[in-house]
Amino acid sequence: MKHPFLTSSSLFIFCVFLLSACSQDSPKIAFLGIAKGNLQTDVRSLEFNDTFEVKDRELIAAVSLDKPMNGTTVVGTWFSPDERSIPLGSTNILLASGATLARFFFANKEDWESAPYMLDVRLQPPEGVTFRRTASGSLHFFIGMKKDGIQAYARDYLEWKAQEGQKTVRDNKKEERMRIQLSDAQKILRSSDIQSVLETDLTEDGMTETLFVDVGDLSEVSARIPSLQYSGMVRGFIVMSSSGTSLLSLVPQPKILALKINEKLIGTIPAVPIVLSVLHSHVISLSWNNEGTTCSRDFIPESGTWVMRETDVSPLCVLKK
């Protein structure tokens, strides 16, 4: 009995397709199949299939590489039903003496449970060698299952893989966006010691903003206060929109820190360490010490930006322009 989306012949095509983008310096998986048998069974006598009976207690998988590379490790990991579950077990096989074949034994002392199973295979380079991409492949096989059960599993798995592919695209776009934003934050704050410490809808406009801080050699304080999303001592910071716009920032300049809302300067303060706190209400609070006087400013989210609230009256705390 063959199932509808991965026959023995299509297993070969599936693996080659997966590995077509691998490094040219890396061996590729030329064949990956499974059959009844054990480690003593002659490989030439194996009859590869993807469906088995529950009484077929000994199964042997064969992995053939397109070229030898001594020191390559072939890692085989078994799953049921597939990689969405915890592995059943894993085996490493070190290739030597020009070998291009690795075999993985999958056995049970009792009859198998009727279920889908999967073998994931990945190649690890020899010591001192780097593969540009990790060569990998996988095969699905079915024990004690009827055709309709296999078809139902196939539809579910392919739908999940499609969703995972879409998620990967979204994640890659997010990583690229974060990389660009981090680079922009480093330029604006004039520092390479920039950290992304918070991603949330700070301005309450339905969009996600990112808080970047320049901690430098300052020690972080009050990092786990329940009423705060973040608290730390910083040399500067920037709240950046998803499009890369600076919404609120404190930018180090010679002897001063420039405070800006929507890139417009609203005042400067002395270049001293600043305690930056973000409340769960998304209020951003700044406090600093100026000649023994504690100064502070709160920034309240309103209509997609912030409105500054003065919380002190000392002349030493007045923002300068």
Protein backbone atom coordinates (compact mmCIF):
# COMPACT_ATOMS: atom_id res chain seq x y z
CA MET A 1 0.00 0.00 0.00
CA LYS A 2 1.35 3.41 -1.00
CA HIS A 3 0.26 6.64 0.58
CA PRO A 4 -0.67 9.67 -1.51
CA PHE A 5 2.12 12.11 -0.92
CA LEU A 6 5.37 10.20 -0.37
CA THR A 7 5.96 6.95 -2.23
CA SER A 8 9.29 5.14 -2.26
CA SER A 9 10.21 6.69 -5.59
CA SER A 10 9.13 10.16 -4.52
CA LEU A 11 11.24 9.86 -1.36
CA PHE A 12 14.32 10.00 -3.54
CA ILE A 13 13.10 13.06 -5.42
CA PHE A 14 12.02 14.75 -2.19
CA CYS A 15 15.47 14.44 -0.62
CA VAL A 16 17.33 15.63 -3.71
CA PHE A 17 15.03 18.66 -3.95
CA LEU A 18 15.67 19.57 -0.33
CA LEU A 19 19.41 19.49 -0.78
CA SER A 20 19.78 21.16 -4.15
CA ALA A 21 20.69 24.46 -2.44
CA CYS A 22 23.37 22.97 -0.17
CA SER A 23 27.00 24.01 -0.34
CA GLN A 24 28.83 22.52 -3.29
CA ASP A 25 31.57 21.47 -0.92
CA SER A 26 29.12 19.42 1.13
CA PRO A 27 28.10 15.84 0.32
CA LYS A 28 24.46 15.59 -0.66
CA ILE A 29 21.98 12.88 0.21
CA ALA A 30 21.56 10.87 -2.98
CA PHE A 31 19.09 8.38 -1.48
CA LEU A 32 17.16 7.91 1.72
CA GLY A 33 14.89 4.91 2.24
CA ILE A 34 13.64 2.40 4.80
CA ALA A 35 12.92 -1.34 4.61
CA LYS A 36 12.37 -4.42 6.74
CA GLY A 37 15.69 -5.75 8.01
CA ASN A 38 18.54 -5.15 10.42
CA LEU A 39 22.21 -4.20 10.41
CA GLN A 40 23.14 -7.70 9.24
CA THR A 41 20.83 -7.57 6.21
CA ASP A 42 22.60 -7.17 2.85
CA VAL A 43 21.76 -3.67 1.60
CA ARG A 44 21.33 -5.05 -1.93
CA SER A 45 18.47 -7.25 -0.75
CA LEU A 46 16.49 -4.49 0.97
CA GLU A 47 13.06 -3.71 -0.44
CA PHE A 48 12.42 -0.09 0.39
CA ASN A 49 8.88 0.94 1.19
CA ASP A 50 6.94 3.48 3.22
CA THR A 51 4.22 1.29 4.74
CA PHE A 52 4.76 -1.57 7.18
CA GLU A 53 2.79 -3.90 9.45
CA VAL A 54 2.82 -3.59 13.23
CA LYS A 55 4.57 -6.99 13.37
CA ASP A 56 7.50 -5.70 11.29
CA ARG A 57 9.54 -5.11 14.43
CA GLU A 58 12.91 -4.56 12.72
CA LEU A 59 13.35 -1.74 10.22
CA ILE A 60 16.54 -0.47 8.66
CA ALA A 61 17.03 2.93 7.02
CA ALA A 62 19.79 3.53 4.45
CA VAL A 63 21.31 6.92 3.68
CA SER A 64 23.54 7.19 0.63
CA LEU A 65 25.72 10.24 -0.06
CA ASP A 66 26.78 11.39 -3.52
CA LYS A 67 30.45 11.53 -2.56
CA PRO A 68 32.69 10.45 0.33
CA MET A 69 34.00 12.89 2.93
CA ASN A 70 35.80 11.21 5.80
CA GLY A 71 34.86 12.60 9.18
CA THR A 72 31.34 13.58 8.14
CA THR A 73 28.76 12.67 10.79
CA VAL A 74 25.34 11.48 9.67
CA VAL A 75 22.76 12.26 12.37
CA GLY A 76 19.52 10.29 12.24
CA THR A 77 16.59 11.28 14.48
CA TRP A 78 13.33 9.32 14.75
CA PHE A 79 9.95 10.94 15.38
CA SER A 80 6.33 9.94 15.68
CA PRO A 81 4.40 11.33 13.99
CA ASP A 82 6.94 13.94 12.81
CA GLU A 83 9.16 16.84 13.88
CA ARG A 84 6.27 18.47 15.76
CA SER A 85 6.77 15.87 18.50
CA ILE A 86 9.60 14.99 20.89
CA PRO A 87 12.22 12.73 19.22
CA LEU A 88 11.98 9.01 19.91
CA GLY A 89 15.75 8.71 19.67
CA SER A 90 18.82 9.79 17.75
CA THR A 91 21.98 8.11 16.42
CA ASN A 92 25.25 9.58 15.09
CA ILE A 93 27.27 7.69 12.48
CA LEU A 94 30.82 8.84 11.68
CA LEU A 95 31.86 8.09 8.10
CA ALA A 96 35.42 6.95 7.45
CA SER A 97 37.55 5.09 4.86
CA GLY A 98 35.66 6.60 1.95
CA ALA A 99 32.25 5.34 3.08
CA THR A 100 29.17 6.93 1.51
CA LEU A 101 26.51 4.75 3.18
CA ALA A 102 25.04 5.05 6.67
CA ARG A 103 22.38 2.75 8.13
CA PHE A 104 20.00 3.38 11.02
CA PHE A 105 18.30 0.53 12.88
CA PHE A 106 14.76 1.10 14.17
CA ALA A 107 13.39 -1.79 16.23
CA ASN A 108 10.82 -2.70 18.85
CA LYS A 109 10.64 -5.80 21.10
CA GLU A 110 6.86 -5.71 20.78
CA ASP A 111 4.48 -4.90 17.95
CA TRP A 112 4.52 -1.27 16.89
CA GLU A 113 1.75 1.18 17.61
CA SER A 114 -0.16 2.10 14.47
CA ALA A 115 1.07 5.60 13.62
CA PRO A 116 3.02 7.78 11.21
CA TYR A 117 6.78 7.89 11.76
CA MET A 118 9.56 10.05 10.42
CA LEU A 119 13.33 9.85 10.08
CA ASP A 120 15.20 13.17 9.88
CA VAL A 121 18.77 13.03 8.58
CA ARG A 122 21.36 15.80 8.79
CA LEU A 123 25.04 15.94 7.90
CA GLN A 124 27.60 17.50 10.20
CA PRO A 125 30.99 18.49 8.76
CA PRO A 126 34.30 16.96 9.79
CA GLU A 127 36.28 18.80 12.46
CA GLY A 128 37.82 21.95 11.03
CA VAL A 129 35.48 22.00 8.03
CA THR A 130 32.47 24.30 7.55
CA PHE A 131 29.49 23.57 5.35
CA ARG A 132 27.86 26.66 3.87
CA ARG A 133 24.48 25.02 4.50
CA THR A 134 23.51 21.95 6.46
CA ALA A 135 22.63 19.05 4.17
CA SER A 136 19.44 17.41 5.35
CA GLY A 137 16.57 15.20 4.29
CA SER A 138 13.65 13.33 5.78
CA LEU A 139 11.32 10.46 5.05
CA HIS A 140 7.89 9.57 6.35
CA PHE A 141 6.72 5.99 6.77
CA PHE A 142 3.61 4.42 8.21
CA ILE A 143 3.13 1.40 10.41
CA GLY A 144 -0.22 -0.38 10.69
CA MET A 145 -2.16 2.45 9.04
CA LYS A 146 -4.90 2.28 6.44
CA LYS A 147 -5.03 4.41 3.30
CA ASP A 148 -7.62 6.88 4.59
CA GLY A 149 -5.62 7.48 7.77
CA ILE A 150 -2.47 8.10 5.76
CA GLN A 151 -4.29 10.52 3.47
CA ALA A 152 -5.70 12.44 6.44
CA TYR A 153 -2.24 12.68 8.00
CA ALA A 154 -0.74 13.80 4.68
CA ARG A 155 -3.23 16.65 4.35
CA ASP A 156 -2.64 17.77 7.94
CA TYR A 157 1.15 17.63 7.61
CA LEU A 158 1.29 19.49 4.30
CA GLU A 159 -1.01 22.20 5.65
CA TRP A 160 1.24 22.59 8.71
CA LYS A 161 4.37 22.73 6.52
CA ALA A 162 2.77 25.47 4.41
CA GLN A 163 1.97 27.45 7.55
CA GLU A 164 5.53 26.93 8.82
CA GLY A 165 6.86 28.18 5.49
CA GLN A 166 4.78 31.32 5.79
CA LYS A 167 5.94 31.78 9.38
CA THR A 168 9.57 31.41 8.26
CA VAL A 169 9.07 34.14 5.68
CA ARG A 170 7.54 36.42 8.32
CA ASP A 171 10.34 35.65 10.78
CA ASN A 172 13.00 36.35 8.14
CA LYS A 173 11.38 39.67 7.33
CA LYS A 174 11.25 40.53 11.02
CA GLU A 175 14.92 39.62 11.49
CA GLU A 176 15.88 41.80 8.52
CA ARG A 177 13.76 44.67 9.85
CA MET A 178 15.38 44.34 13.29
CA ARG A 179 18.84 44.26 11.72
CA ILE A 180 18.14 47.48 9.84
CA GLN A 181 16.57 49.14 12.90
CA LEU A 182 19.51 48.15 15.08
CA SER A 183 21.92 49.62 12.55
CA ASP A 184 19.89 52.85 12.44
CA ALA A 185 19.76 52.99 16.27
CA GLN A 186 23.53 52.58 16.44
CA LYS A 187 23.99 55.50 14.07
CA ILE A 188 21.50 57.76 15.88
CA LEU A 189 22.88 57.00 19.36
CA ARG A 190 26.47 57.03 18.08
CA SER A 191 27.29 53.75 19.78
CA SER A 192 27.78 50.09 18.90
CA ASP A 193 26.68 48.99 22.42
CA ILE A 194 22.99 49.04 21.56
CA GLN A 195 20.47 46.51 22.85
CA SER A 196 16.86 45.85 21.89
CA VAL A 197 15.09 45.47 25.26
CA LEU A 198 11.37 45.78 24.48
CA GLU A 199 8.99 45.17 21.58
CA THR A 200 5.40 46.21 22.20
CA ASP A 201 2.74 48.75 21.26
CA LEU A 202 4.17 51.56 23.35
CA THR A 203 2.23 54.36 21.64
CA GLU A 204 -1.06 52.40 21.77
CA ASP A 205 -1.69 52.88 18.06
CA GLY A 206 -1.99 49.20 17.20
CA MET A 207 1.59 49.00 15.87
CA THR A 208 4.67 47.50 17.49
CA GLU A 209 7.52 49.77 18.54
CA THR A 210 11.02 48.73 19.61
CA LEU A 211 12.97 50.22 22.49
CA PHE A 212 16.73 50.34 21.92
CA VAL A 213 19.05 51.36 24.76
CA ASP A 214 22.72 52.20 25.08
CA VAL A 215 23.76 50.70 28.41
CA GLY A 216 27.49 50.78 27.81
CA ASP A 217 29.41 50.10 31.04
CA LEU A 218 26.52 51.20 33.28
CA SER A 219 25.04 48.60 35.60
CA GLU A 220 21.37 47.74 35.03
CA VAL A 221 19.00 48.49 37.90
CA SER A 222 15.50 47.36 38.94
CA ALA A 223 15.16 44.99 36.00
CA ARG A 224 12.43 42.87 37.62
CA ILE A 225 9.99 45.27 39.25
CA PRO A 226 6.45 43.88 38.67
CA SER A 227 4.99 47.28 37.78
CA LEU A 228 7.62 47.91 35.09
CA GLN A 229 8.14 46.46 31.64
CA TYR A 230 11.73 47.64 31.72
CA SER A 231 13.99 49.63 34.02
CA GLY A 232 17.68 50.29 33.59
CA MET A 233 20.42 52.88 33.75
CA VAL A 234 21.28 54.05 30.24
CA ARG A 235 23.47 56.50 28.38
CA GLY A 236 20.82 57.01 25.69
CA PHE A 237 17.78 55.35 24.12
CA ILE A 238 15.44 55.43 21.16
CA VAL A 239 11.89 54.20 20.59
CA MET A 240 11.58 53.23 16.94
CA SER A 241 8.45 52.51 14.92
CA SER A 242 8.12 49.42 12.72
CA SER A 243 8.85 51.65 9.72
CA GLY A 244 12.13 52.83 11.28
CA THR A 245 10.97 56.29 12.44
CA SER A 246 12.41 57.68 15.67
CA LEU A 247 9.42 58.44 17.95
CA LEU A 248 11.16 59.26 21.22
CA SER A 249 14.87 59.46 21.86
CA LEU A 250 17.61 60.64 24.16
CA VAL A 251 20.69 61.12 22.02
CA PRO A 252 24.20 61.60 23.44
CA GLN A 253 25.99 64.71 22.18
CA PRO A 254 29.12 66.45 23.46
CA LYS A 255 28.44 67.26 27.16
CA ILE A 256 24.65 67.02 26.75
CA LEU A 257 21.81 64.59 26.00
CA ALA A 258 19.30 65.73 23.37
CA LEU A 259 15.69 64.78 24.11
CA LYS A 260 13.50 64.47 21.00
CA ILE A 261 9.89 63.57 20.21
CA ASN A 262 9.24 62.58 16.59
CA GLU A 263 12.81 63.70 15.83
CA LYS A 264 12.01 67.25 17.03
CA LEU A 265 14.25 68.62 19.78
CA ILE A 266 12.31 69.50 22.94
CA GLY A 267 15.32 70.16 25.20
CA THR A 268 18.66 68.99 26.51
CA ILE A 269 19.94 67.75 29.85
CA PRO A 270 23.49 67.27 31.17
CA ALA A 271 25.31 64.18 29.94
CA VAL A 272 24.74 62.08 33.08
CA PRO A 273 23.51 58.49 33.56
CA ILE A 274 19.74 58.26 33.10
CA VAL A 275 17.35 55.82 34.78
CA LEU A 276 14.87 54.77 32.11
CA SER A 277 11.66 53.04 33.19
CA VAL A 278 8.74 51.76 31.11
CA LEU A 279 5.51 51.14 33.00
CA HIS A 280 2.91 48.60 31.93
CA SER A 281 0.70 51.60 31.18
CA HIS A 282 3.38 52.42 28.55
CA VAL A 283 4.37 55.60 30.35
CA ILE A 284 8.08 56.17 29.83
CA SER A 285 9.82 57.78 32.80
CA LEU A 286 13.28 59.36 32.87
CA SER A 287 15.14 60.38 36.04
CA TRP A 288 18.62 61.74 36.60
CA ASN A 289 20.73 63.56 39.15
CA ASN A 290 21.89 67.10 38.48
CA GLU A 291 24.22 68.57 41.12
CA GLY A 292 22.51 66.58 43.89
CA THR A 293 18.96 67.28 42.70
CA THR A 294 16.83 64.42 41.37
CA CYS A 295 15.07 65.40 38.15
CA SER A 296 12.50 63.48 36.17
CA ARG A 297 10.19 63.57 33.17
CA ASP A 298 7.28 61.32 32.24
CA PHE A 299 6.11 60.73 28.71
CA ILE A 300 2.43 59.77 28.32
CA PRO A 301 1.26 57.89 25.18
CA GLU A 302 -1.35 59.92 23.31
CA SER A 303 -2.57 59.65 19.70
CA GLY A 304 0.37 57.56 18.52
CA THR A 305 3.07 59.66 20.21
CA TRP A 306 4.04 61.00 23.66
CA VAL A 307 3.18 64.07 25.66
CA MET A 308 5.80 65.17 28.19
CA ARG A 309 4.74 65.72 31.79
CA GLU A 310 7.03 67.69 34.10
CA THR A 311 7.29 66.19 37.58
CA ASP A 312 9.70 68.65 39.23
CA VAL A 313 10.07 72.44 39.67
CA SER A 314 13.75 72.85 40.50
CA PRO A 315 15.65 75.23 38.21
CA LEU A 316 18.33 72.54 37.91
CA CYS A 317 15.76 70.33 36.21
CA VAL A 318 14.62 72.74 33.50
CA LEU A 319 15.28 71.43 29.98
CA LYS A 320 17.58 73.65 27.97
CA LYS A 321 17.52 74.28 24.25
